[in-house]
Amino acid sequence: QVQLVESGGGLVQPGGSLRLSCTASGIIFSEHGVGWYRQAPGQARELVADITTSGSRTYAGSVKGRFTISRDNAKNTVYLQMDRLKFEDTAVYYCKLIHWRTNWNYWGQGTQVTVSS
């Protein structure tokens, strides 16, 4: 059974930092690309950053230069380091794994990030 467990969300002041983690089990992690998505109230879910099986990264324009995605295949974990957080980064953040060949995908349960003074 595939499980994705996210952690690291919380309340932070503008300009602060958080690091999100997404740990997978029941899956061959290295065969999956991983994306971090977020969804704010009343808005559509959007892709924030993703990393391929080979380590290539892409970022949404709104977070480029502030967020860093990384993966540790030995720990079956992907990270999202979020720096210089802004009010508009407030959302529920989800990780999604996609198999490189079959495109089978799996979602985490989400973790809340709130940027507030």
Protein backbone atom coordinates (compact mmCIF):
# COMPACT_ATOMS: atom_id res chain seq x y z
CA GLN A 1 0.00 0.00 0.00
CA VAL A 2 1.39 3.35 -1.03
CA GLN A 3 1.57 6.03 1.63
CA LEU A 4 2.80 9.60 1.42
CA VAL A 5 3.29 11.44 4.68
CA GLU A 6 3.84 15.18 4.60
CA SER A 7 5.16 17.24 7.46
CA GLY A 8 6.76 20.57 8.24
CA GLY A 9 3.87 22.94 7.75
CA GLY A 10 2.91 25.56 10.28
CA LEU A 11 2.56 29.24 11.06
CA VAL A 12 5.38 31.56 10.10
CA GLN A 13 5.86 35.30 9.82
CA PRO A 14 6.49 36.97 6.48
CA GLY A 15 10.13 36.64 5.55
CA GLY A 16 10.48 33.42 7.50
CA SER A 17 11.31 29.90 6.39
CA LEU A 18 9.82 26.44 6.53
CA ARG A 19 10.93 23.09 5.20
CA LEU A 20 8.29 20.63 4.08
CA SER A 21 8.96 16.92 3.84
CA CYS A 22 7.12 14.18 1.99
CA THR A 23 8.10 10.61 2.81
CA ALA A 24 6.87 7.71 0.74
CA SER A 25 6.43 4.05 1.57
CA GLY A 26 5.21 1.05 -0.37
CA ILE A 27 6.72 2.39 -3.56
CA ILE A 28 9.98 2.45 -5.48
CA PHE A 29 10.63 6.11 -4.77
CA SER A 30 13.49 6.55 -7.23
CA GLU A 31 11.20 5.66 -10.15
CA HIS A 32 8.93 8.62 -9.47
CA GLY A 33 9.08 12.26 -10.26
CA VAL A 34 7.75 14.40 -7.44
CA GLY A 35 5.82 17.63 -7.45
CA TRP A 36 4.82 20.01 -4.70
CA TYR A 37 1.44 21.65 -5.25
CA ARG A 38 -0.52 24.12 -3.22
CA GLN A 39 -4.12 25.16 -2.94
CA ALA A 40 -5.31 28.33 -1.29
CA PRO A 41 -8.96 28.75 -0.22
CA GLY A 42 -11.18 29.34 -3.21
CA GLN A 43 -8.37 28.79 -5.68
CA ALA A 44 -7.30 25.98 -7.95
CA ARG A 45 -4.46 23.69 -7.01
CA GLU A 46 -1.23 24.84 -8.63
CA LEU A 47 2.17 23.33 -9.20
CA VAL A 48 4.86 24.99 -7.11
CA ALA A 49 7.93 22.92 -7.96
CA ASP A 50 8.85 19.53 -9.27
CA ILE A 51 11.86 17.29 -9.52
CA THR A 52 12.39 14.44 -11.93
CA THR A 53 13.92 11.04 -11.29
CA SER A 54 17.22 12.42 -12.59
CA GLY A 55 17.07 15.47 -10.35
CA SER A 56 16.00 18.13 -12.83
CA ARG A 57 13.99 20.88 -11.16
CA THR A 58 11.37 23.35 -12.29
CA TYR A 59 9.65 26.12 -10.33
CA ALA A 60 6.61 28.29 -10.65
CA GLY A 61 7.56 31.87 -11.35
CA SER A 62 6.03 33.06 -8.09
CA VAL A 63 8.44 30.97 -5.99
CA LYS A 64 11.57 30.90 -8.13
CA GLY A 65 14.56 32.05 -6.13
CA ARG A 66 12.76 31.54 -2.81
CA PHE A 67 11.85 27.82 -2.80
CA THR A 68 14.13 24.85 -3.35
CA ILE A 69 13.00 21.32 -4.07
CA SER A 70 15.28 18.37 -3.38
CA ARG A 71 15.06 14.64 -2.94
CA ASP A 72 16.83 11.97 -0.97
CA ASN A 73 16.15 8.62 -2.57
CA ALA A 74 17.86 6.76 0.28
CA LYS A 75 15.23 8.20 2.63
CA ASN A 76 12.31 8.05 0.16
CA THR A 77 11.80 11.72 0.89
CA VAL A 78 11.37 14.92 -1.05
CA TYR A 79 11.82 18.33 0.54
CA LEU A 80 10.60 21.81 -0.19
CA GLN A 81 12.71 24.49 1.44
CA MET A 82 10.69 27.70 1.51
CA ASP A 83 12.50 30.94 2.27
CA ARG A 84 11.40 34.57 2.32
CA LEU A 85 7.81 33.48 2.70
CA LYS A 86 5.03 35.87 1.74
CA PHE A 87 1.40 36.20 2.75
CA GLU A 88 0.39 34.81 -0.63
CA ASP A 89 2.26 31.56 0.03
CA THR A 90 -0.45 30.62 2.51
CA ALA A 91 -2.06 27.39 1.31
CA VAL A 92 -2.32 23.68 1.85
CA TYR A 93 0.74 22.06 0.29
CA TYR A 94 0.56 18.62 -1.28
CA CYS A 95 3.17 16.30 -2.70
CA LYS A 96 2.45 14.14 -5.72
CA LEU A 97 4.48 11.24 -7.02
CA ILE A 98 4.29 10.21 -10.67
CA HIS A 99 5.86 7.09 -12.06
CA TRP A 100 8.27 7.97 -14.84
CA ARG A 101 6.87 5.38 -17.27
CA THR A 102 3.28 4.55 -16.36
CA ASN A 103 2.25 8.01 -15.07
CA TRP A 104 0.51 6.33 -12.14
CA ASN A 105 0.32 9.01 -9.48
CA TYR A 106 -0.22 9.34 -5.75
CA TRP A 107 -1.09 12.32 -3.55
CA GLY A 108 -0.17 13.14 0.00
CA GLN A 109 -2.76 14.34 2.51
CA GLY A 110 -1.55 17.92 2.55
CA THR A 111 0.08 20.15 5.13
CA GLN A 112 -1.05 23.66 6.01
CA VAL A 113 1.32 26.58 5.61
CA THR A 114 0.14 29.90 7.01
CA VAL A 115 2.14 33.08 6.59
CA SER A 116 0.87 35.72 8.96
CA SER A 117 2.14 38.50 11.16
